[in-house]
Amino acid sequence: MQVDLFEHPLPFRVNFSWVPPTSVLMVFLLAGPTSAQWPQWGGKDRNFHSSATGLAEEWPEAGPRTLWERALGAGYSSIVADGGLLFTMYRSGDDEVVVALDAKTGATEWEHRVRTTRGSEAPNSTPTVEGDRLYTLGVSGMLCALDKSSGKLVWSHDLVEEYKAKPPQYGFSASPLAYGGSLILPVGGAGYGVAAFALADGKLLWHKHDLEEVYASPILIEVEGEAQVVVLATGQVVGLSPETGELLWSEPLEGEQNIATPVWCSDKLLCVTAGTAGSVALRFSKVDGKTRVEKAWKNDEQIPQTTVVRVGDYFYGSTGHDPFFVTAIHAKTG
């Protein structure tokens, strides 16, 4: 993995999705300290939308000027940004490395290393910044809370050793979701499909369900004032209470792909493209205080490995596998 930072007088949108190992990551500075914050997978709201304004429509003729570049190890983890620092994860020998880089120079501010137990596999998950902590999930199931400024370990859990989690075939991949005072993530196995840990000390707050082979990152939605956590698992997508893990609804899905993060829209539409049988949109409402889920549309387009982005009335995405193509799906009709 190599990180390149470019400069341009107008800011560009940051949009990280699936990133192959030993590849080049392009990072663009956004205007001002507020708009530059990209604290988790998919940005502030996990929808890959930046709040930056005045975005450039095209590159300058000579291309953007390179400010700095540096090589890292293999990894699928994308980059998050906060407080002048960039955070990501990569593989180095037998170690999985969490690194903090100076956004202006690319210099290493700190590294935290954990010996991994999964052969030569590289990390998949993206770190999450919340307050003064950085939360990471390693490919072999090591969950860590690190001090954001120093990299010092605050608390950790070995999900396999402590909770008998069943590792996904391709390693732990979901990016942890911070909600209130908790950190929510798929763990895997009987009774530990999804769990929540206290941000402050790592205390296990709740664990529920028998979900396995979860790769997609959970997202937070709001249905008529009620916060819900959406988790895409093998053969189904579920909605849970973030406070207790209670199952609020479940919708079956055809196929076994569950990599691409679902997309939640302000018109109460949830788009799931990861099914090998095609994409589906679900519409939400409340009836007698309970969530009602209805299928708005379904089509045959498979976008199983990369997350789509909604802009206006369309979802845009690419297959991520052969045959390769870019597609646009009409949000209201499919």
Protein backbone atom coordinates (compact mmCIF):
# COMPACT_ATOMS: atom_id res chain seq x y z
CA MET A 1 0.00 0.00 0.00
CA GLN A 2 1.31 3.45 -0.89
CA VAL A 3 -0.22 6.69 0.30
CA ASP A 4 -0.06 9.78 -1.95
CA LEU A 5 -1.20 13.24 -0.89
CA PHE A 6 -1.96 15.84 -3.55
CA GLU A 7 -2.64 19.56 -3.43
CA HIS A 8 -5.12 21.61 -5.42
CA PRO A 9 -6.62 25.06 -4.73
CA LEU A 10 -10.14 23.62 -4.78
CA PRO A 11 -11.00 20.65 -2.57
CA PHE A 12 -11.95 17.28 -4.02
CA ARG A 13 -14.42 14.77 -2.61
CA VAL A 14 -12.91 11.94 -0.59
CA ASN A 15 -14.48 8.59 -1.43
CA PHE A 16 -12.79 5.45 -0.13
CA SER A 17 -14.25 2.04 -0.86
CA TRP A 18 -12.66 -1.36 -1.43
CA VAL A 19 -8.88 -0.99 -1.84
CA PRO A 20 -6.64 -3.81 -3.11
CA PRO A 21 -3.47 -4.66 -1.18
CA THR A 22 -0.12 -3.12 -2.17
CA SER A 23 -1.97 -0.43 -4.09
CA VAL A 24 -1.85 3.36 -4.27
CA LEU A 25 -4.24 5.36 -2.11
CA MET A 26 -4.95 8.92 -3.22
CA VAL A 27 -5.81 11.35 -0.44
CA PHE A 28 -7.01 14.87 -1.18
CA LEU A 29 -6.88 17.70 1.33
CA LEU A 30 -10.25 19.30 1.95
CA ALA A 31 -10.72 22.99 2.67
CA GLY A 32 -10.49 23.89 6.34
CA PRO A 33 -10.23 21.77 9.50
CA THR A 34 -13.97 21.09 9.87
CA SER A 35 -14.58 19.62 6.42
CA ALA A 36 -11.37 17.60 6.58
CA GLN A 37 -12.68 15.24 9.24
CA TRP A 38 -13.40 11.73 7.93
CA PRO A 39 -13.71 9.80 11.20
CA GLN A 40 -14.85 6.36 10.06
CA TRP A 41 -15.61 4.04 7.16
CA GLY A 42 -17.75 6.02 4.72
CA GLY A 43 -17.28 9.36 6.47
CA LYS A 44 -19.34 11.00 9.19
CA ASP A 45 -22.62 9.28 8.23
CA ARG A 46 -21.16 6.17 6.55
CA ASN A 47 -22.66 7.23 3.21
CA PHE A 48 -19.45 8.40 1.49
CA HIS A 49 -20.66 12.00 1.28
CA SER A 50 -18.32 14.85 2.20
CA SER A 51 -19.58 18.11 3.68
CA ALA A 52 -16.91 20.05 1.79
CA THR A 53 -18.14 22.78 -0.57
CA GLY A 54 -16.64 24.36 -3.69
CA LEU A 55 -15.51 21.01 -5.06
CA ALA A 56 -13.43 21.19 -8.24
CA GLU A 57 -15.05 19.93 -11.43
CA GLU A 58 -11.81 18.79 -13.07
CA TRP A 59 -8.09 18.26 -12.47
CA PRO A 60 -5.66 21.04 -13.41
CA GLU A 61 -4.00 20.48 -16.79
CA ALA A 62 -0.72 19.30 -15.25
CA GLY A 63 -2.48 17.23 -12.60
CA PRO A 64 -2.50 17.83 -8.84
CA ARG A 65 0.83 18.65 -7.22
CA THR A 66 2.18 15.82 -5.05
CA LEU A 67 2.77 17.02 -1.49
CA TRP A 68 4.19 13.73 -0.21
CA GLU A 69 4.05 9.99 -0.71
CA ARG A 70 5.16 6.97 1.23
CA ALA A 71 4.87 3.20 1.08
CA LEU A 72 3.09 1.07 3.67
CA GLY A 73 2.41 -2.66 3.80
CA ALA A 74 -0.41 -4.71 2.29
CA GLY A 75 -3.90 -3.85 3.42
CA TYR A 76 -7.56 -3.37 2.52
CA SER A 77 -8.14 -0.84 5.31
CA SER A 78 -9.06 2.64 4.05
CA ILE A 79 -7.92 5.91 5.61
CA VAL A 80 -9.67 8.04 8.23
CA ALA A 81 -8.73 11.61 9.08
CA ASP A 82 -9.06 13.60 12.28
CA GLY A 83 -7.22 16.49 13.91
CA GLY A 84 -4.39 16.69 11.37
CA LEU A 85 -3.72 12.95 11.53
CA LEU A 86 -4.44 10.12 9.08
CA PHE A 87 -5.06 6.61 10.42
CA THR A 88 -5.01 3.24 8.66
CA MET A 89 -3.88 -0.38 9.08
CA TYR A 90 -1.51 -2.60 7.13
CA ARG A 91 0.46 -5.84 7.29
CA SER A 92 4.17 -5.90 8.12
CA GLY A 93 5.78 -9.35 8.40
CA ASP A 94 3.89 -11.22 11.13
CA ASP A 95 2.43 -8.02 12.56
CA GLU A 96 -0.72 -6.07 11.92
CA VAL A 97 0.10 -2.38 12.22
CA VAL A 98 -2.13 0.54 13.12
CA VAL A 99 -0.38 3.74 12.02
CA ALA A 100 -0.98 7.45 12.54
CA LEU A 101 0.49 9.76 9.90
CA ASP A 102 0.95 13.52 9.89
CA ALA A 103 -1.49 14.73 7.23
CA LYS A 104 0.85 17.52 6.11
CA THR A 105 4.06 15.51 5.78
CA GLY A 106 3.19 11.80 5.84
CA ALA A 107 5.59 11.28 8.73
CA THR A 108 4.77 8.50 11.20
CA GLU A 109 3.39 9.90 14.46
CA TRP A 110 3.01 6.49 16.07
CA GLU A 111 2.49 2.79 15.35
CA HIS A 112 0.74 0.06 17.29
CA ARG A 113 1.66 -3.52 16.37
CA VAL A 114 -0.23 -6.74 17.05
CA ARG A 115 0.97 -10.21 16.08
CA THR A 116 -1.67 -11.73 13.81
CA THR A 117 -2.64 -15.39 13.76
CA ARG A 118 -4.01 -15.55 10.20
CA GLY A 119 -1.04 -16.47 8.02
CA SER A 120 -0.18 -13.67 5.61
CA GLU A 121 -3.64 -12.04 5.47
CA ALA A 122 -3.80 -8.25 5.53
CA PRO A 123 -6.25 -6.18 7.60
CA ASN A 124 -9.69 -5.51 6.12
CA SER A 125 -11.39 -3.25 8.64
CA THR A 126 -11.13 0.56 8.73
CA PRO A 127 -10.39 2.28 12.09
CA THR A 128 -13.06 4.39 13.81
CA VAL A 129 -12.28 7.70 15.52
CA GLU A 130 -14.52 8.66 18.44
CA GLY A 131 -13.48 11.36 20.90
CA ASP A 132 -9.85 10.93 21.88
CA ARG A 133 -9.77 7.23 20.96
CA LEU A 134 -9.14 5.17 17.85
CA TYR A 135 -10.95 1.82 17.67
CA THR A 136 -9.63 -0.95 15.42
CA LEU A 137 -10.59 -4.52 14.52
CA GLY A 138 -7.81 -6.76 13.24
CA VAL A 139 -8.18 -9.48 10.64
CA SER A 140 -7.73 -12.19 13.30
CA GLY A 141 -10.30 -10.65 15.68
CA MET A 142 -8.25 -8.40 17.95
CA LEU A 143 -10.37 -5.41 18.99
CA CYS A 144 -8.33 -2.48 20.30
CA ALA A 145 -8.98 0.95 21.76
CA LEU A 146 -5.98 3.25 21.30
CA ASP A 147 -5.21 6.74 22.47
CA LYS A 148 -5.58 8.86 19.33
CA SER A 149 -2.62 11.12 20.01
CA SER A 150 -0.09 8.56 21.26
CA GLY A 151 -1.21 5.11 20.06
CA LYS A 152 -1.13 3.81 23.64
CA LEU A 153 -3.35 0.77 24.18
CA VAL A 154 -6.31 1.62 26.43
CA TRP A 155 -8.15 -1.71 26.28
CA SER A 156 -8.45 -4.74 23.98
CA HIS A 157 -10.40 -7.95 23.43
CA ASP A 158 -9.43 -11.08 21.53
CA LEU A 159 -12.85 -11.94 20.09
CA VAL A 160 -11.89 -15.52 19.26
CA GLU A 161 -10.15 -16.30 22.53
CA GLU A 162 -12.57 -14.54 24.87
CA TYR A 163 -15.94 -15.02 23.18
CA LYS A 164 -15.34 -18.07 20.97
CA ALA A 165 -16.15 -15.98 17.91
CA LYS A 166 -16.17 -17.88 14.64
CA PRO A 167 -13.78 -16.03 12.30
CA PRO A 168 -15.16 -15.33 8.82
CA GLN A 169 -13.47 -17.27 6.04
CA TYR A 170 -11.60 -14.18 4.85
CA GLY A 171 -10.96 -12.69 8.27
CA PHE A 172 -12.74 -10.07 10.37
CA SER A 173 -13.64 -7.17 8.10
CA ALA A 174 -16.42 -4.96 9.51
CA SER A 175 -15.50 -1.48 10.69
CA PRO A 176 -16.70 -0.80 14.28
CA LEU A 177 -19.64 1.60 14.73
CA ALA A 178 -19.68 4.08 17.61
CA TYR A 179 -23.10 4.88 19.07
CA GLY A 180 -23.64 6.82 22.27
CA GLY A 181 -21.17 5.33 24.71
CA SER A 182 -20.86 2.02 22.92
CA LEU A 183 -18.93 0.36 20.09
CA ILE A 184 -21.08 -2.00 18.00
CA LEU A 185 -19.65 -4.66 15.69
CA PRO A 186 -20.29 -8.14 14.32
CA VAL A 187 -18.46 -10.77 16.36
CA GLY A 188 -19.84 -14.03 14.97
CA GLY A 189 -21.03 -17.32 16.41
CA ALA A 190 -23.81 -18.57 18.65
CA GLY A 191 -25.24 -15.67 20.65
CA TYR A 192 -22.45 -13.34 19.53
CA GLY A 193 -23.55 -12.42 16.03
CA VAL A 194 -23.43 -8.75 17.04
CA ALA A 195 -22.09 -7.24 20.26
CA ALA A 196 -21.64 -3.86 21.92
CA PHE A 197 -18.72 -2.77 24.09
CA ALA A 198 -18.38 0.30 26.29
CA LEU A 199 -16.19 2.91 24.61
CA ALA A 200 -14.57 3.90 27.89
CA ASP A 201 -13.35 0.56 29.23
CA GLY A 202 -14.33 -2.14 26.73
CA LYS A 203 -16.95 -3.72 29.00
CA LEU A 204 -19.26 -6.09 27.12
CA LEU A 205 -22.69 -4.39 27.17
CA TRP A 206 -24.76 -6.87 25.16
CA HIS A 207 -24.46 -9.70 22.63
CA LYS A 208 -27.23 -11.23 20.54
CA HIS A 209 -28.10 -13.51 17.62
CA ASP A 210 -26.29 -16.28 15.75
CA LEU A 211 -25.07 -14.36 12.70
CA GLU A 212 -21.91 -15.58 10.98
CA GLU A 213 -19.70 -14.64 8.03
CA VAL A 214 -20.41 -10.91 8.36
CA TYR A 215 -18.08 -8.74 6.29
CA ALA A 216 -20.11 -5.56 5.69
CA SER A 217 -19.85 -2.74 8.21
CA PRO A 218 -22.95 -1.97 10.31
CA ILE A 219 -24.71 1.34 9.73
CA LEU A 220 -27.00 3.51 11.84
CA ILE A 221 -30.42 4.51 10.50
CA GLU A 222 -33.38 6.36 11.99
CA VAL A 223 -36.96 5.22 11.38
CA GLU A 224 -39.47 7.81 12.55
CA GLY A 225 -37.26 8.89 15.42
CA GLU A 226 -36.03 5.43 16.41
CA ALA A 227 -32.31 4.67 16.02
CA GLN A 228 -31.57 1.26 14.52
CA VAL A 229 -28.40 -0.60 13.60
CA VAL A 230 -28.49 -2.37 10.24
CA VAL A 231 -26.32 -5.48 9.86
CA LEU A 232 -25.91 -7.34 6.57
CA ALA A 233 -25.27 -11.04 7.19
CA THR A 234 -25.34 -14.18 5.07
CA GLY A 235 -28.81 -14.57 3.61
CA GLN A 236 -30.43 -11.71 5.48
CA VAL A 237 -30.28 -8.10 6.56
CA VAL A 238 -31.45 -7.25 10.09
CA GLY A 239 -32.27 -4.19 12.15
CA LEU A 240 -31.30 -4.12 15.82
CA SER A 241 -31.77 -1.82 18.78
CA PRO A 242 -28.37 -0.17 19.40
CA GLU A 243 -29.13 -0.03 23.12
CA THR A 244 -29.99 -3.71 23.66
CA GLY A 245 -29.36 -5.66 20.44
CA GLU A 246 -33.07 -6.59 20.27
CA LEU A 247 -34.16 -7.72 16.81
CA LEU A 248 -36.48 -5.08 15.34
CA TRP A 249 -36.88 -6.61 11.87
CA SER A 250 -35.29 -9.10 9.50
CA GLU A 251 -35.46 -9.40 5.72
CA PRO A 252 -34.21 -12.45 3.79
CA LEU A 253 -31.80 -11.93 0.89
CA GLU A 254 -30.90 -14.26 -1.94
CA GLY A 255 -27.23 -15.21 -2.32
CA GLU A 256 -24.34 -15.31 0.10
CA GLN A 257 -22.35 -12.16 -0.68
CA ASN A 258 -22.40 -9.67 2.18
CA ILE A 259 -19.41 -7.40 1.62
CA ALA A 260 -20.85 -4.13 0.32
CA THR A 261 -22.20 -1.76 2.98
CA PRO A 262 -25.96 -1.06 2.65
CA VAL A 263 -26.90 2.55 1.82
CA TRP A 264 -29.50 4.43 3.87
CA CYS A 265 -31.30 7.41 2.34
CA SER A 266 -33.28 10.29 3.80
CA ASP A 267 -36.44 9.06 2.03
CA LYS A 268 -36.41 5.95 4.27
CA LEU A 269 -35.00 3.74 1.53
CA LEU A 270 -32.33 1.13 2.27
CA CYS A 271 -30.43 -0.16 -0.77
CA VAL A 272 -28.62 -3.52 -0.54
CA THR A 273 -26.52 -4.41 -3.59
CA ALA A 274 -24.51 -7.30 -2.14
CA GLY A 275 -26.83 -10.19 -2.97
CA THR A 276 -25.61 -12.48 -5.75
CA ALA A 277 -29.19 -12.53 -7.06
CA GLY A 278 -29.24 -8.77 -7.60
CA SER A 279 -29.90 -5.50 -5.78
CA VAL A 280 -32.91 -4.68 -3.63
CA ALA A 281 -34.37 -1.55 -2.02
CA LEU A 282 -36.37 -1.72 1.19
CA ARG A 283 -38.78 0.99 2.36
CA PHE A 284 -39.46 1.60 6.05
CA SER A 285 -42.41 2.84 8.05
CA LYS A 286 -43.89 2.44 11.52
CA VAL A 287 -47.20 0.68 12.24
CA ASP A 288 -48.45 0.45 15.84
CA GLY A 289 -44.98 1.36 17.08
CA LYS A 290 -43.25 -1.44 15.16
CA THR A 291 -41.06 -1.19 12.08
CA ARG A 292 -42.60 -2.29 8.81
CA VAL A 293 -40.24 -3.25 5.97
CA GLU A 294 -41.52 -3.44 2.40
CA LYS A 295 -39.64 -4.27 -0.78
CA ALA A 296 -39.65 -1.14 -2.96
CA TRP A 297 -37.93 -2.82 -5.93
CA LYS A 298 -35.52 -5.54 -6.97
CA ASN A 299 -33.32 -5.90 -10.04
CA ASP A 300 -30.66 -8.26 -11.39
CA GLU A 301 -27.66 -5.95 -10.98
CA GLN A 302 -24.97 -7.46 -8.74
CA ILE A 303 -22.61 -5.04 -7.03
CA PRO A 304 -21.42 -7.38 -4.30
CA GLN A 305 -17.97 -6.13 -3.33
CA THR A 306 -18.02 -2.33 -3.52
CA THR A 307 -20.30 0.13 -1.78
CA VAL A 308 -22.57 2.26 -3.96
CA VAL A 309 -23.05 6.00 -3.39
CA ARG A 310 -26.36 7.80 -3.80
CA VAL A 311 -26.27 11.19 -5.53
CA GLY A 312 -29.68 12.73 -6.22
CA ASP A 313 -32.03 10.12 -7.66
CA TYR A 314 -29.34 7.57 -8.53
CA PHE A 315 -27.09 4.98 -6.92
CA TYR A 316 -23.66 4.78 -8.58
CA GLY A 317 -21.32 1.81 -8.23
CA SER A 318 -19.00 -0.67 -9.90
CA THR A 319 -18.92 -4.45 -9.79
CA GLY A 320 -15.42 -4.87 -8.40
CA HIS A 321 -15.06 -8.19 -10.23
CA ASP A 322 -14.97 -9.53 -13.79
CA PRO A 323 -16.89 -8.50 -15.85
CA PHE A 324 -16.03 -4.98 -14.72
CA PHE A 325 -18.50 -2.18 -15.27
CA VAL A 326 -19.83 1.03 -13.74
CA THR A 327 -23.58 1.34 -13.34
CA ALA A 328 -26.26 3.78 -12.23
CA ILE A 329 -29.49 2.56 -10.60
CA HIS A 330 -32.56 4.76 -10.32
CA ALA A 331 -33.27 4.99 -6.59
CA LYS A 332 -37.07 5.07 -6.83
CA THR A 333 -37.60 2.36 -9.44
CA GLY A 334 -34.47 0.19 -9.51
